[in-house]
Amino acid sequence: MLLELSVLPKGMAHQQSDSAVDLSKIIDASGLYHQTKNKGEVLEGTWEQLMAVAKKCHDEAMKTRAQPKLMTS
C-alpha cells in the first residue's frame, strides 16, 4: 500500500522548516521505503505501519507549532 503524506500548518503557506526535517527523521526511523516528492513523502507499507507513521508525524508537528491547526493528508 502507498501513502502520500504531508503535514502542513492550516491557513499558512507551506515553508521548509526544522520541523520538516524532524518529520523526515521519524519517517527514516520507521524503516519503510519512502521517496520525497513535491507535495510530501510517498511511503510504502501496510495500513497499520502507514497510519502509525502518519500519527507520529502529526503528533510531532503538533508539539512544535504555536497554533495547533494542522492539515495532515
C-alpha atoms as a PDB file:
ATOM      1  CA  MET A   1       0.000   0.000   0.000  1.00  0.00           C
ATOM      2  CA  LEU A   2       1.232   3.533  -0.768  1.00  0.00           C
ATOM      3  CA  LEU A   3       0.599   6.723   1.194  1.00  0.00           C
ATOM      4  CA  GLU A   4       1.484  10.269   0.154  1.00  0.00           C
ATOM      5  CA  LEU A   5       1.981  12.107   3.435  1.00  0.00           C
ATOM      6  CA  SER A   6       2.162  15.841   4.053  1.00  0.00           C
ATOM      7  CA  VAL A   7       1.733  17.724   7.316  1.00  0.00           C
ATOM      8  CA  LEU A   8       1.109  21.444   6.852  1.00  0.00           C
ATOM      9  CA  PRO A   9       0.066  24.327   9.106  1.00  0.00           C
ATOM     10  CA  LYS A  10      -3.547  25.164   8.277  1.00  0.00           C
ATOM     11  CA  GLY A  11      -4.099  28.636   6.876  1.00  0.00           C
ATOM     12  CA  MET A  12      -0.396  29.292   6.283  1.00  0.00           C
ATOM     13  CA  ALA A  13       1.815  28.992   3.224  1.00  0.00           C
ATOM     14  CA  HIS A  14       3.969  25.874   3.050  1.00  0.00           C
ATOM     15  CA  GLN A  15       7.546  26.540   4.176  1.00  0.00           C
ATOM     16  CA  GLN A  16      10.560  24.287   4.646  1.00  0.00           C
ATOM     17  CA  SER A  17      11.479  24.341   8.306  1.00  0.00           C
ATOM     18  CA  ASP A  18      13.257  22.451  11.047  1.00  0.00           C
ATOM     19  CA  SER A  19      10.011  20.590  11.778  1.00  0.00           C
ATOM     20  CA  ALA A  20      10.051  19.179   8.229  1.00  0.00           C
ATOM     21  CA  VAL A  21      13.499  17.792   8.968  1.00  0.00           C
ATOM     22  CA  ASP A  22      12.201  16.271  12.220  1.00  0.00           C
ATOM     23  CA  LEU A  23       9.385  14.570  10.304  1.00  0.00           C
ATOM     24  CA  SER A  24      11.922  13.140   7.868  1.00  0.00           C
ATOM     25  CA  LYS A  25      13.754  11.632  10.832  1.00  0.00           C
ATOM     26  CA  ILE A  26      10.530   9.953  12.001  1.00  0.00           C
ATOM     27  CA  ILE A  27       9.913   8.590   8.512  1.00  0.00           C
ATOM     28  CA  ASP A  28      13.526   7.370   8.185  1.00  0.00           C
ATOM     29  CA  ALA A  29      13.313   5.680  11.591  1.00  0.00           C
ATOM     30  CA  SER A  30      10.176   3.796  10.513  1.00  0.00           C
ATOM     31  CA  GLY A  31      12.253   1.618   8.198  1.00  0.00           C
ATOM     32  CA  LEU A  32       9.607   1.911   5.472  1.00  0.00           C
ATOM     33  CA  TYR A  33      10.541   2.523   1.860  1.00  0.00           C
ATOM     34  CA  HIS A  34       9.878   6.200   1.044  1.00  0.00           C
ATOM     35  CA  GLN A  35      10.578   8.917  -1.520  1.00  0.00           C
ATOM     36  CA  THR A  36      10.375  12.683  -1.190  1.00  0.00           C
ATOM     37  CA  LYS A  37       8.053  14.284  -3.746  1.00  0.00           C
ATOM     38  CA  ASN A  38       6.855  17.840  -4.465  1.00  0.00           C
ATOM     39  CA  LYS A  39       3.975  17.807  -2.006  1.00  0.00           C
ATOM     40  CA  GLY A  40       5.195  15.360   0.623  1.00  0.00           C
ATOM     41  CA  GLU A  41       6.614  11.915   1.203  1.00  0.00           C
ATOM     42  CA  VAL A  42       5.406   8.757  -0.505  1.00  0.00           C
ATOM     43  CA  LEU A  43       5.687   5.761   1.826  1.00  0.00           C
ATOM     44  CA  GLU A  44       5.115   2.069   1.212  1.00  0.00           C
ATOM     45  CA  GLY A  45       3.905  -0.331   3.891  1.00  0.00           C
ATOM     46  CA  THR A  46       0.884  -1.946   5.470  1.00  0.00           C
ATOM     47  CA  TRP A  47      -2.132   0.103   6.557  1.00  0.00           C
ATOM     48  CA  GLU A  48      -1.068  -0.219  10.197  1.00  0.00           C
ATOM     49  CA  GLN A  49       2.537   0.841   9.501  1.00  0.00           C
ATOM     50  CA  LEU A  50       1.492   3.820   7.391  1.00  0.00           C
ATOM     51  CA  MET A  51      -1.082   5.091   9.880  1.00  0.00           C
ATOM     52  CA  ALA A  52       1.407   4.720  12.755  1.00  0.00           C
ATOM     53  CA  VAL A  53       3.975   6.854  10.902  1.00  0.00           C
ATOM     54  CA  ALA A  54       1.329   9.428   9.895  1.00  0.00           C
ATOM     55  CA  LYS A  55       0.185   9.710  13.532  1.00  0.00           C
ATOM     56  CA  LYS A  56       3.755  10.105  14.815  1.00  0.00           C
ATOM     57  CA  CYS A  57       4.422  12.843  12.252  1.00  0.00           C
ATOM     58  CA  HIS A  58       1.164  14.646  13.059  1.00  0.00           C
ATOM     59  CA  ASP A  59       1.775  14.430  16.805  1.00  0.00           C
ATOM     60  CA  GLU A  60       5.355  15.709  16.447  1.00  0.00           C
ATOM     61  CA  ALA A  61       4.211  18.640  14.305  1.00  0.00           C
ATOM     62  CA  MET A  62       1.537  19.485  16.904  1.00  0.00           C
ATOM     63  CA  LYS A  63       4.259  19.731  19.571  1.00  0.00           C
ATOM     64  CA  THR A  64       6.292  22.228  17.548  1.00  0.00           C
ATOM     65  CA  ARG A  65       3.518  24.565  16.421  1.00  0.00           C
ATOM     66  CA  ALA A  66       2.410  27.619  18.398  1.00  0.00           C
ATOM     67  CA  GLN A  67      -1.011  27.358  16.744  1.00  0.00           C
ATOM     68  CA  PRO A  68      -2.239  23.765  16.782  1.00  0.00           C
ATOM     69  CA  LYS A  69      -4.048  23.771  13.432  1.00  0.00           C
ATOM     70  CA  LEU A  70      -2.579  21.267  11.037  1.00  0.00           C
ATOM     71  CA  MET A  71      -3.692  19.555   7.888  1.00  0.00           C
ATOM     72  CA  THR A  72      -2.352  16.025   7.617  1.00  0.00           C
ATOM     73  CA  SER A  73      -3.092  14.372   4.304  1.00  0.00           C
END
